[in-house]
């Protein structure tokens, strides 16, 4: 995860300006602009204030083990971003099946790249939101999401773009 892209994506998704986030976080506009452009080394206190201003939760994890893979996901991993969690989807099924489905679909990779480019976002942020949407559909489906279910969701996203 790239911090600068995560901050920018969250701010834009909330429809906020750098100035409004700066006021809420008690930080300067140039400081936040530099962070969004990949410059600077923010303190944990500054990141915490930014997370709060962006209605997110900052979680810092130091681990000896590598991050959990998609097929072993049961909790929150360090690469999930500010306040993002993985694991069990609503209805009690594991999000691992959705993550595996997304990871093995060449069409999903192409659509993610298309959406990221057209929306000025990172592929990772589009992928995370697509996975969240797919997991949200899980309780409504009689079986775990399948390739046709994923393709329908991708079609919807392309039509809406």
N, C-alpha and C. Protein backbone atom coordinates (compact mmCIF):
# COMPACT_ATOMS: atom_id res chain seq x y z
N UNK A 1 0.85 -1.18 0.00
CA UNK A 1 0.00 0.00 0.00
C UNK A 1 0.89 1.23 0.00
N UNK A 2 0.55 2.18 -0.81
CA UNK A 2 1.28 3.43 -0.83
C UNK A 2 0.46 4.45 -0.06
N UNK A 3 1.06 5.01 0.96
CA UNK A 3 0.36 5.94 1.85
C UNK A 3 -0.19 7.14 1.10
N UNK A 4 0.61 7.72 0.21
CA UNK A 4 0.16 8.92 -0.49
C UNK A 4 -1.12 8.66 -1.28
N UNK A 5 -1.16 7.55 -2.00
CA UNK A 5 -2.35 7.22 -2.79
C UNK A 5 -3.54 6.93 -1.89
N UNK A 6 -3.29 6.26 -0.78
CA UNK A 6 -4.38 5.94 0.16
C UNK A 6 -5.01 7.22 0.72
N UNK A 7 -4.17 8.15 1.13
CA UNK A 7 -4.69 9.42 1.68
C UNK A 7 -5.48 10.18 0.63
N UNK A 8 -4.91 10.28 -0.57
CA UNK A 8 -5.58 11.02 -1.65
C UNK A 8 -6.90 10.35 -2.03
N UNK A 9 -6.90 9.01 -2.16
CA UNK A 9 -8.13 8.29 -2.53
C UNK A 9 -9.22 8.48 -1.48
N UNK A 10 -8.84 8.40 -0.22
CA UNK A 10 -9.84 8.56 0.85
C UNK A 10 -10.40 9.99 0.86
N UNK A 11 -9.53 10.97 0.68
CA UNK A 11 -9.99 12.36 0.68
C UNK A 11 -10.92 12.61 -0.50
N UNK A 12 -10.53 12.15 -1.68
CA UNK A 12 -11.36 12.35 -2.87
C UNK A 12 -12.69 11.60 -2.76
N UNK A 13 -12.64 10.39 -2.23
CA UNK A 13 -13.87 9.59 -2.08
C UNK A 13 -14.86 10.29 -1.15
N UNK A 14 -14.34 11.02 -0.18
CA UNK A 14 -15.20 11.75 0.75
C UNK A 14 -15.63 13.10 0.17
N UNK A 15 -15.12 13.44 -1.02
CA UNK A 15 -15.47 14.72 -1.64
C UNK A 15 -14.90 15.91 -0.89
N UNK A 16 -13.74 15.73 -0.29
CA UNK A 16 -13.14 16.78 0.55
C UNK A 16 -11.96 17.42 -0.15
N UNK A 17 -11.69 18.66 0.21
CA UNK A 17 -10.50 19.35 -0.26
C UNK A 17 -9.38 19.13 0.74
N UNK A 18 -8.16 19.38 0.27
CA UNK A 18 -7.02 19.28 1.18
C UNK A 18 -7.20 20.27 2.33
N UNK A 19 -7.72 21.45 2.02
CA UNK A 19 -7.90 22.48 3.04
C UNK A 19 -8.88 22.03 4.12
N UNK A 20 -9.98 21.40 3.73
CA UNK A 20 -10.96 20.98 4.74
C UNK A 20 -10.40 19.87 5.63
N UNK A 21 -9.63 18.96 5.04
CA UNK A 21 -8.99 17.90 5.83
C UNK A 21 -7.95 18.51 6.76
N UNK A 22 -7.21 19.49 6.25
CA UNK A 22 -6.18 20.15 7.06
C UNK A 22 -6.79 20.81 8.29
N UNK A 23 -7.91 21.48 8.10
CA UNK A 23 -8.57 22.13 9.23
C UNK A 23 -9.00 21.09 10.26
N UNK A 24 -9.65 20.03 9.81
CA UNK A 24 -10.13 18.99 10.73
C UNK A 24 -8.99 18.26 11.43
N UNK A 25 -7.86 18.09 10.73
CA UNK A 25 -6.72 17.37 11.31
C UNK A 25 -5.79 18.28 12.10
N UNK A 26 -5.97 19.59 11.96
CA UNK A 26 -5.07 20.52 12.64
C UNK A 26 -3.68 20.51 12.04
N UNK A 27 -3.59 20.27 10.74
CA UNK A 27 -2.31 20.24 10.04
C UNK A 27 -2.34 21.27 8.92
N UNK A 28 -1.19 21.59 8.37
CA UNK A 28 -1.14 22.59 7.32
C UNK A 28 -1.48 21.97 5.96
N UNK A 29 -2.00 22.81 5.07
CA UNK A 29 -2.34 22.37 3.72
C UNK A 29 -1.09 21.88 2.98
N UNK A 30 0.04 22.62 3.02
CA UNK A 30 1.23 22.13 2.32
C UNK A 30 1.72 20.78 2.86
N UNK A 31 1.60 20.58 4.16
CA UNK A 31 2.04 19.32 4.76
C UNK A 31 1.23 18.15 4.19
N UNK A 32 -0.09 18.30 4.13
CA UNK A 32 -0.95 17.24 3.61
C UNK A 32 -0.72 17.06 2.11
N UNK A 33 -0.57 18.17 1.38
CA UNK A 33 -0.30 18.08 -0.06
C UNK A 33 1.00 17.32 -0.31
N UNK A 34 2.01 17.59 0.49
CA UNK A 34 3.28 16.87 0.34
C UNK A 34 3.10 15.38 0.62
N UNK A 35 2.34 15.04 1.64
CA UNK A 35 2.09 13.63 1.95
C UNK A 35 1.36 12.94 0.79
N UNK A 36 0.37 13.63 0.23
CA UNK A 36 -0.38 13.05 -0.89
C UNK A 36 0.47 12.90 -2.14
N UNK A 37 1.55 13.67 -2.22
CA UNK A 37 2.46 13.58 -3.36
C UNK A 37 3.68 12.71 -3.08
N UNK A 38 3.63 11.99 -1.96
CA UNK A 38 4.69 11.06 -1.65
C UNK A 38 5.93 11.66 -1.03
N UNK A 39 5.81 12.88 -0.54
CA UNK A 39 6.95 13.54 0.09
C UNK A 39 6.68 13.69 1.58
N UNK A 40 7.72 13.56 2.37
CA UNK A 40 7.58 13.74 3.80
C UNK A 40 7.47 12.43 4.54
N UNK A 41 7.75 12.49 5.81
CA UNK A 41 7.66 11.33 6.70
C UNK A 41 6.78 11.71 7.88
N UNK A 42 5.49 11.41 7.80
CA UNK A 42 4.58 11.82 8.86
C UNK A 42 4.81 11.05 10.15
N UNK A 43 4.54 11.69 11.25
CA UNK A 43 4.58 11.01 12.55
C UNK A 43 3.31 10.20 12.71
N UNK A 44 3.32 9.28 13.65
CA UNK A 44 2.10 8.52 13.93
C UNK A 44 0.98 9.44 14.42
N UNK A 45 1.36 10.47 15.17
CA UNK A 45 0.35 11.42 15.65
C UNK A 45 -0.32 12.12 14.48
N UNK A 46 0.47 12.54 13.48
CA UNK A 46 -0.10 13.21 12.31
C UNK A 46 -0.98 12.24 11.53
N UNK A 47 -0.54 11.00 11.37
CA UNK A 47 -1.36 10.01 10.66
C UNK A 47 -2.66 9.73 11.40
N UNK A 48 -2.59 9.69 12.72
CA UNK A 48 -3.79 9.47 13.51
C UNK A 48 -4.77 10.61 13.32
N UNK A 49 -4.27 11.83 13.31
CA UNK A 49 -5.14 12.99 13.12
C UNK A 49 -5.75 12.99 11.71
N UNK A 50 -4.95 12.60 10.72
CA UNK A 50 -5.47 12.51 9.35
C UNK A 50 -6.54 11.42 9.25
N UNK A 51 -6.28 10.28 9.86
CA UNK A 51 -7.26 9.19 9.83
C UNK A 51 -8.57 9.64 10.45
N UNK A 52 -8.50 10.32 11.57
CA UNK A 52 -9.71 10.81 12.23
C UNK A 52 -10.44 11.81 11.34
N UNK A 53 -9.70 12.71 10.71
CA UNK A 53 -10.30 13.71 9.83
C UNK A 53 -10.97 13.05 8.62
N UNK A 54 -10.46 11.89 8.22
CA UNK A 54 -11.00 11.18 7.07
C UNK A 54 -11.98 10.07 7.47
N UNK A 55 -12.43 10.10 8.73
CA UNK A 55 -13.37 9.10 9.25
C UNK A 55 -12.84 7.67 9.07
N UNK A 56 -11.57 7.50 9.40
CA UNK A 56 -10.95 6.18 9.31
C UNK A 56 -10.28 5.87 10.64
N UNK A 57 -9.82 4.66 10.78
CA UNK A 57 -9.12 4.23 11.99
C UNK A 57 -7.71 3.85 11.59
N UNK A 58 -6.73 4.42 12.24
CA UNK A 58 -5.33 4.09 11.97
C UNK A 58 -4.95 2.88 12.80
N UNK A 59 -4.38 1.89 12.15
CA UNK A 59 -3.90 0.70 12.85
C UNK A 59 -2.46 0.46 12.43
N UNK A 60 -1.58 0.36 13.40
CA UNK A 60 -0.17 0.10 13.14
C UNK A 60 0.16 -1.27 13.70
N UNK A 61 0.76 -2.10 12.86
CA UNK A 61 1.08 -3.45 13.27
C UNK A 61 2.53 -3.76 12.94
N UNK A 62 3.26 -4.27 13.92
CA UNK A 62 4.61 -4.76 13.69
C UNK A 62 4.55 -6.27 13.78
N UNK A 63 5.02 -6.94 12.74
CA UNK A 63 4.91 -8.39 12.69
C UNK A 63 6.24 -9.02 12.31
N UNK A 64 6.49 -10.22 12.80
CA UNK A 64 7.62 -11.01 12.35
C UNK A 64 7.21 -11.86 11.16
N UNK A 65 5.95 -12.27 11.14
CA UNK A 65 5.45 -13.12 10.07
C UNK A 65 5.03 -12.26 8.89
N UNK A 66 5.04 -12.82 7.67
CA UNK A 66 4.57 -12.05 6.51
C UNK A 66 3.07 -11.81 6.62
N UNK A 67 2.54 -10.80 5.89
CA UNK A 67 1.09 -10.56 5.91
C UNK A 67 0.34 -11.81 5.48
N UNK A 68 -0.89 -11.93 5.94
CA UNK A 68 -1.72 -13.07 5.60
C UNK A 68 -2.05 -13.07 4.12
N UNK A 69 -2.07 -14.24 3.51
CA UNK A 69 -2.44 -14.36 2.11
C UNK A 69 -3.96 -14.40 2.00
N UNK A 70 -4.47 -14.29 0.78
CA UNK A 70 -5.92 -14.27 0.57
C UNK A 70 -6.57 -15.56 1.06
N UNK A 71 -5.88 -16.71 0.92
CA UNK A 71 -6.51 -17.96 1.33
C UNK A 71 -6.38 -18.23 2.82
N UNK A 72 -5.66 -17.36 3.55
CA UNK A 72 -5.51 -17.56 4.99
C UNK A 72 -6.03 -16.37 5.78
N UNK A 73 -6.74 -15.47 5.12
CA UNK A 73 -7.19 -14.25 5.77
C UNK A 73 -8.28 -14.55 6.79
N UNK A 74 -8.03 -14.12 8.03
CA UNK A 74 -9.05 -14.31 9.06
C UNK A 74 -9.19 -13.08 9.93
N UNK A 75 -8.38 -12.05 9.70
CA UNK A 75 -8.43 -10.87 10.54
C UNK A 75 -8.00 -9.66 9.76
N UNK A 76 -7.25 -8.79 10.39
CA UNK A 76 -6.79 -7.56 9.77
C UNK A 76 -5.32 -7.67 9.48
N UNK A 77 -4.92 -7.38 8.26
CA UNK A 77 -3.50 -7.40 7.93
C UNK A 77 -2.98 -5.99 7.79
N UNK A 78 -1.68 -5.83 7.90
CA UNK A 78 -1.07 -4.51 7.90
C UNK A 78 -1.23 -3.80 6.57
N UNK A 79 -1.37 -4.53 5.46
CA UNK A 79 -1.46 -3.88 4.16
C UNK A 79 -2.88 -3.53 3.76
N UNK A 80 -3.80 -3.57 4.67
CA UNK A 80 -5.19 -3.29 4.35
C UNK A 80 -5.49 -1.80 4.28
N UNK A 81 -4.59 -0.93 4.71
CA UNK A 81 -4.84 0.50 4.64
C UNK A 81 -5.42 1.03 5.93
N UNK A 82 -5.78 2.28 5.92
CA UNK A 82 -6.33 2.93 7.10
C UNK A 82 -7.73 2.43 7.35
N UNK A 83 -7.90 1.65 8.40
CA UNK A 83 -9.24 1.25 8.82
C UNK A 83 -9.88 0.15 8.01
N UNK A 84 -9.19 -0.43 7.04
CA UNK A 84 -9.78 -1.51 6.25
C UNK A 84 -9.53 -2.82 6.96
N UNK A 85 -10.54 -3.65 7.00
CA UNK A 85 -10.35 -4.97 7.58
C UNK A 85 -10.76 -6.01 6.57
N UNK A 86 -10.22 -7.19 6.74
CA UNK A 86 -10.59 -8.30 5.89
C UNK A 86 -11.11 -9.41 6.77
N UNK A 87 -11.43 -10.51 6.15
CA UNK A 87 -11.84 -11.64 6.96
C UNK A 87 -13.22 -12.11 6.62
N UNK A 88 -14.00 -12.34 7.60
CA UNK A 88 -15.31 -12.92 7.38
C UNK A 88 -16.27 -11.90 6.79
N UNK A 89 -16.88 -12.29 5.71
CA UNK A 89 -17.88 -11.44 5.08
C UNK A 89 -19.18 -11.57 5.85
N UNK A 90 -20.11 -10.62 5.66
CA UNK A 90 -21.40 -10.75 6.32
C UNK A 90 -22.00 -12.10 5.96
N UNK A 91 -22.62 -12.72 6.93
CA UNK A 91 -23.21 -14.02 6.70
C UNK A 91 -22.31 -15.15 7.12
N UNK A 92 -21.09 -14.85 7.60
CA UNK A 92 -20.23 -15.85 8.17
C UNK A 92 -19.31 -16.56 7.20
N UNK A 93 -19.28 -16.21 5.91
CA UNK A 93 -18.38 -16.88 4.99
C UNK A 93 -17.08 -16.11 4.90
N UNK A 94 -16.04 -16.81 4.55
CA UNK A 94 -14.72 -16.20 4.48
C UNK A 94 -14.59 -15.35 3.24
N UNK A 95 -13.92 -14.22 3.37
CA UNK A 95 -13.64 -13.36 2.23
C UNK A 95 -12.54 -13.93 1.35
N UNK A 96 -11.91 -15.02 1.79
CA UNK A 96 -10.82 -15.62 1.03
C UNK A 96 -11.30 -16.10 -0.34
N UNK A 97 -12.50 -16.66 -0.40
CA UNK A 97 -13.02 -17.14 -1.68
C UNK A 97 -13.20 -15.99 -2.66
N UNK A 98 -13.72 -14.87 -2.18
CA UNK A 98 -13.89 -13.70 -3.03
C UNK A 98 -12.54 -13.15 -3.48
N UNK A 99 -11.58 -13.11 -2.57
CA UNK A 99 -10.24 -12.61 -2.91
C UNK A 99 -9.58 -13.52 -3.94
N UNK A 100 -9.75 -14.83 -3.79
CA UNK A 100 -9.16 -15.77 -4.74
C UNK A 100 -9.83 -15.63 -6.11
N UNK A 101 -11.15 -15.47 -6.11
CA UNK A 101 -11.88 -15.29 -7.36
C UNK A 101 -11.39 -14.05 -8.09
N UNK A 102 -11.23 -12.98 -7.36
CA UNK A 102 -10.77 -11.72 -7.94
C UNK A 102 -9.34 -11.84 -8.45
N UNK A 103 -8.49 -12.50 -7.68
CA UNK A 103 -7.07 -12.62 -8.04
C UNK A 103 -6.85 -13.49 -9.27
N UNK A 104 -7.74 -14.44 -9.53
CA UNK A 104 -7.55 -15.36 -10.65
C UNK A 104 -8.30 -14.95 -11.92
N UNK A 105 -8.98 -13.84 -11.88
CA UNK A 105 -9.76 -13.41 -13.04
C UNK A 105 -8.98 -12.41 -13.89
N UNK A 106 -8.58 -12.81 -15.11
CA UNK A 106 -7.88 -11.87 -16.00
C UNK A 106 -8.77 -10.67 -16.35
N UNK A 107 -10.06 -10.92 -16.50
CA UNK A 107 -10.97 -9.81 -16.82
C UNK A 107 -11.02 -8.80 -15.68
N UNK A 108 -11.05 -9.28 -14.44
CA UNK A 108 -11.07 -8.36 -13.30
C UNK A 108 -9.82 -7.49 -13.29
N UNK A 109 -8.68 -8.07 -13.61
CA UNK A 109 -7.43 -7.30 -13.66
C UNK A 109 -7.54 -6.18 -14.68
N UNK A 110 -8.10 -6.49 -15.86
CA UNK A 110 -8.24 -5.47 -16.91
C UNK A 110 -9.22 -4.38 -16.50
N UNK A 111 -10.35 -4.78 -15.93
CA UNK A 111 -11.37 -3.80 -15.52
C UNK A 111 -10.83 -2.92 -14.39
N UNK A 112 -10.11 -3.50 -13.46
CA UNK A 112 -9.52 -2.72 -12.37
C UNK A 112 -8.58 -1.66 -12.94
N UNK A 113 -7.75 -2.05 -13.91
CA UNK A 113 -6.83 -1.10 -14.54
C UNK A 113 -7.60 0.01 -15.26
N UNK A 114 -8.66 -0.37 -15.96
CA UNK A 114 -9.48 0.61 -16.68
C UNK A 114 -10.12 1.60 -15.72
N UNK A 115 -10.72 1.09 -14.66
CA UNK A 115 -11.38 1.97 -13.69
C UNK A 115 -10.38 2.87 -12.97
N UNK A 116 -9.24 2.31 -12.60
CA UNK A 116 -8.22 3.11 -11.92
C UNK A 116 -7.76 4.26 -12.81
N UNK A 117 -7.54 3.95 -14.08
CA UNK A 117 -7.08 4.98 -15.01
C UNK A 117 -8.14 6.05 -15.24
N UNK A 118 -9.38 5.64 -15.46
CA UNK A 118 -10.44 6.61 -15.75
C UNK A 118 -10.83 7.45 -14.54
N UNK A 119 -10.62 6.90 -13.34
CA UNK A 119 -11.02 7.62 -12.12
C UNK A 119 -9.85 8.29 -11.43
N UNK A 120 -8.64 8.14 -11.97
CA UNK A 120 -7.46 8.75 -11.35
C UNK A 120 -7.14 8.17 -9.98
N UNK A 121 -7.32 6.86 -9.85
CA UNK A 121 -7.09 6.19 -8.56
C UNK A 121 -6.04 5.11 -8.75
N UNK A 122 -5.60 4.53 -7.66
CA UNK A 122 -4.66 3.42 -7.75
C UNK A 122 -5.41 2.13 -8.01
N UNK A 123 -4.73 1.19 -8.64
CA UNK A 123 -5.35 -0.12 -8.88
C UNK A 123 -5.70 -0.79 -7.57
N UNK A 124 -4.82 -0.65 -6.59
CA UNK A 124 -5.05 -1.29 -5.29
C UNK A 124 -6.33 -0.78 -4.63
N UNK A 125 -6.58 0.54 -4.72
CA UNK A 125 -7.79 1.06 -4.08
C UNK A 125 -9.05 0.58 -4.81
N UNK A 126 -8.99 0.50 -6.14
CA UNK A 126 -10.14 -0.02 -6.89
C UNK A 126 -10.34 -1.50 -6.56
N UNK A 127 -9.25 -2.24 -6.48
CA UNK A 127 -9.34 -3.67 -6.15
C UNK A 127 -9.96 -3.88 -4.77
N UNK A 128 -9.53 -3.07 -3.79
CA UNK A 128 -10.09 -3.19 -2.44
C UNK A 128 -11.59 -2.93 -2.44
N UNK A 129 -12.02 -1.88 -3.14
CA UNK A 129 -13.44 -1.57 -3.17
C UNK A 129 -14.24 -2.62 -3.92
N UNK A 130 -13.66 -3.18 -4.97
CA UNK A 130 -14.33 -4.25 -5.71
C UNK A 130 -14.48 -5.49 -4.82
N UNK A 131 -13.44 -5.81 -4.08
CA UNK A 131 -13.51 -6.96 -3.17
C UNK A 131 -14.56 -6.72 -2.08
N UNK A 132 -14.62 -5.50 -1.55
CA UNK A 132 -15.63 -5.17 -0.54
C UNK A 132 -17.04 -5.34 -1.11
N UNK A 133 -17.24 -4.87 -2.35
CA UNK A 133 -18.56 -5.00 -2.98
C UNK A 133 -18.91 -6.47 -3.21
N UNK A 134 -17.93 -7.25 -3.66
CA UNK A 134 -18.17 -8.68 -3.90
C UNK A 134 -18.51 -9.40 -2.60
N UNK A 135 -17.80 -9.06 -1.53
CA UNK A 135 -18.08 -9.68 -0.23
C UNK A 135 -19.44 -9.25 0.31
N UNK A 136 -19.85 -8.01 0.02
CA UNK A 136 -21.15 -7.54 0.48
C UNK A 136 -22.29 -8.29 -0.20
N UNK A 137 -22.05 -8.78 -1.40
CA UNK A 137 -23.08 -9.55 -2.12
C UNK A 137 -23.20 -10.98 -1.61
N UNK A 138 -22.18 -11.48 -0.96
CA UNK A 138 -22.13 -12.88 -0.52
C UNK A 138 -23.36 -13.33 0.25
N UNK A 139 -23.85 -12.58 1.25
CA UNK A 139 -25.03 -13.05 1.99
C UNK A 139 -26.30 -13.12 1.13
N UNK A 140 -26.31 -12.40 0.02
CA UNK A 140 -27.50 -12.38 -0.83
C UNK A 140 -27.51 -13.52 -1.84
N UNK A 141 -26.36 -14.17 -2.03
CA UNK A 141 -26.25 -15.23 -3.02
C UNK A 141 -26.45 -16.60 -2.36
N UNK A 142 -27.03 -17.55 -3.10
CA UNK A 142 -27.24 -18.88 -2.52
C UNK A 142 -25.93 -19.67 -2.34
N UNK A 143 -24.90 -19.30 -3.11
CA UNK A 143 -23.59 -19.95 -3.02
C UNK A 143 -22.53 -18.86 -2.98
N UNK A 144 -21.30 -19.20 -2.65
CA UNK A 144 -20.24 -18.18 -2.72
C UNK A 144 -20.18 -17.60 -4.14
N UNK A 145 -19.72 -16.35 -4.27
CA UNK A 145 -19.67 -15.72 -5.60
C UNK A 145 -18.88 -16.57 -6.60
N UNK A 146 -19.38 -16.61 -7.82
CA UNK A 146 -18.74 -17.36 -8.90
C UNK A 146 -18.22 -16.39 -9.95
N UNK A 147 -17.54 -16.93 -10.94
CA UNK A 147 -17.02 -16.10 -12.04
C UNK A 147 -18.14 -15.32 -12.72
N UNK A 148 -19.30 -15.93 -13.02
CA UNK A 148 -20.39 -15.14 -13.62
C UNK A 148 -20.87 -14.01 -12.71
N UNK A 149 -20.90 -14.24 -11.40
CA UNK A 149 -21.29 -13.17 -10.47
C UNK A 149 -20.29 -12.02 -10.54
N UNK A 150 -19.01 -12.36 -10.56
CA UNK A 150 -17.97 -11.33 -10.66
C UNK A 150 -18.10 -10.58 -11.98
N UNK A 151 -18.35 -11.29 -13.08
CA UNK A 151 -18.48 -10.63 -14.38
C UNK A 151 -19.68 -9.68 -14.41
N UNK A 152 -20.77 -10.05 -13.77
CA UNK A 152 -21.93 -9.14 -13.70
C UNK A 152 -21.57 -7.86 -12.95
N UNK A 153 -20.85 -8.02 -11.84
CA UNK A 153 -20.43 -6.85 -11.07
C UNK A 153 -19.48 -5.98 -11.89
N UNK A 154 -18.55 -6.60 -12.60
CA UNK A 154 -17.62 -5.84 -13.45
C UNK A 154 -18.37 -5.10 -14.55
N UNK A 155 -19.37 -5.76 -15.16
CA UNK A 155 -20.19 -5.10 -16.19
C UNK A 155 -20.88 -3.87 -15.62
N UNK A 156 -21.45 -4.02 -14.44
CA UNK A 156 -22.13 -2.90 -13.78
C UNK A 156 -21.18 -1.73 -13.56
N UNK A 157 -19.98 -2.03 -13.09
CA UNK A 157 -19.01 -0.97 -12.82
C UNK A 157 -18.56 -0.28 -14.10
N UNK A 158 -18.38 -1.04 -15.17
CA UNK A 158 -17.98 -0.44 -16.44
C UNK A 158 -19.10 0.43 -17.01
N UNK A 159 -20.34 -0.02 -16.87
CA UNK A 159 -21.47 0.78 -17.35
C UNK A 159 -21.62 2.07 -16.56
N UNK A 160 -21.34 2.01 -15.27
CA UNK A 160 -21.49 3.19 -14.41
C UNK A 160 -20.35 4.19 -14.59
N UNK A 161 -19.23 3.72 -15.11
CA UNK A 161 -18.05 4.59 -15.22
C UNK A 161 -18.17 5.58 -16.33
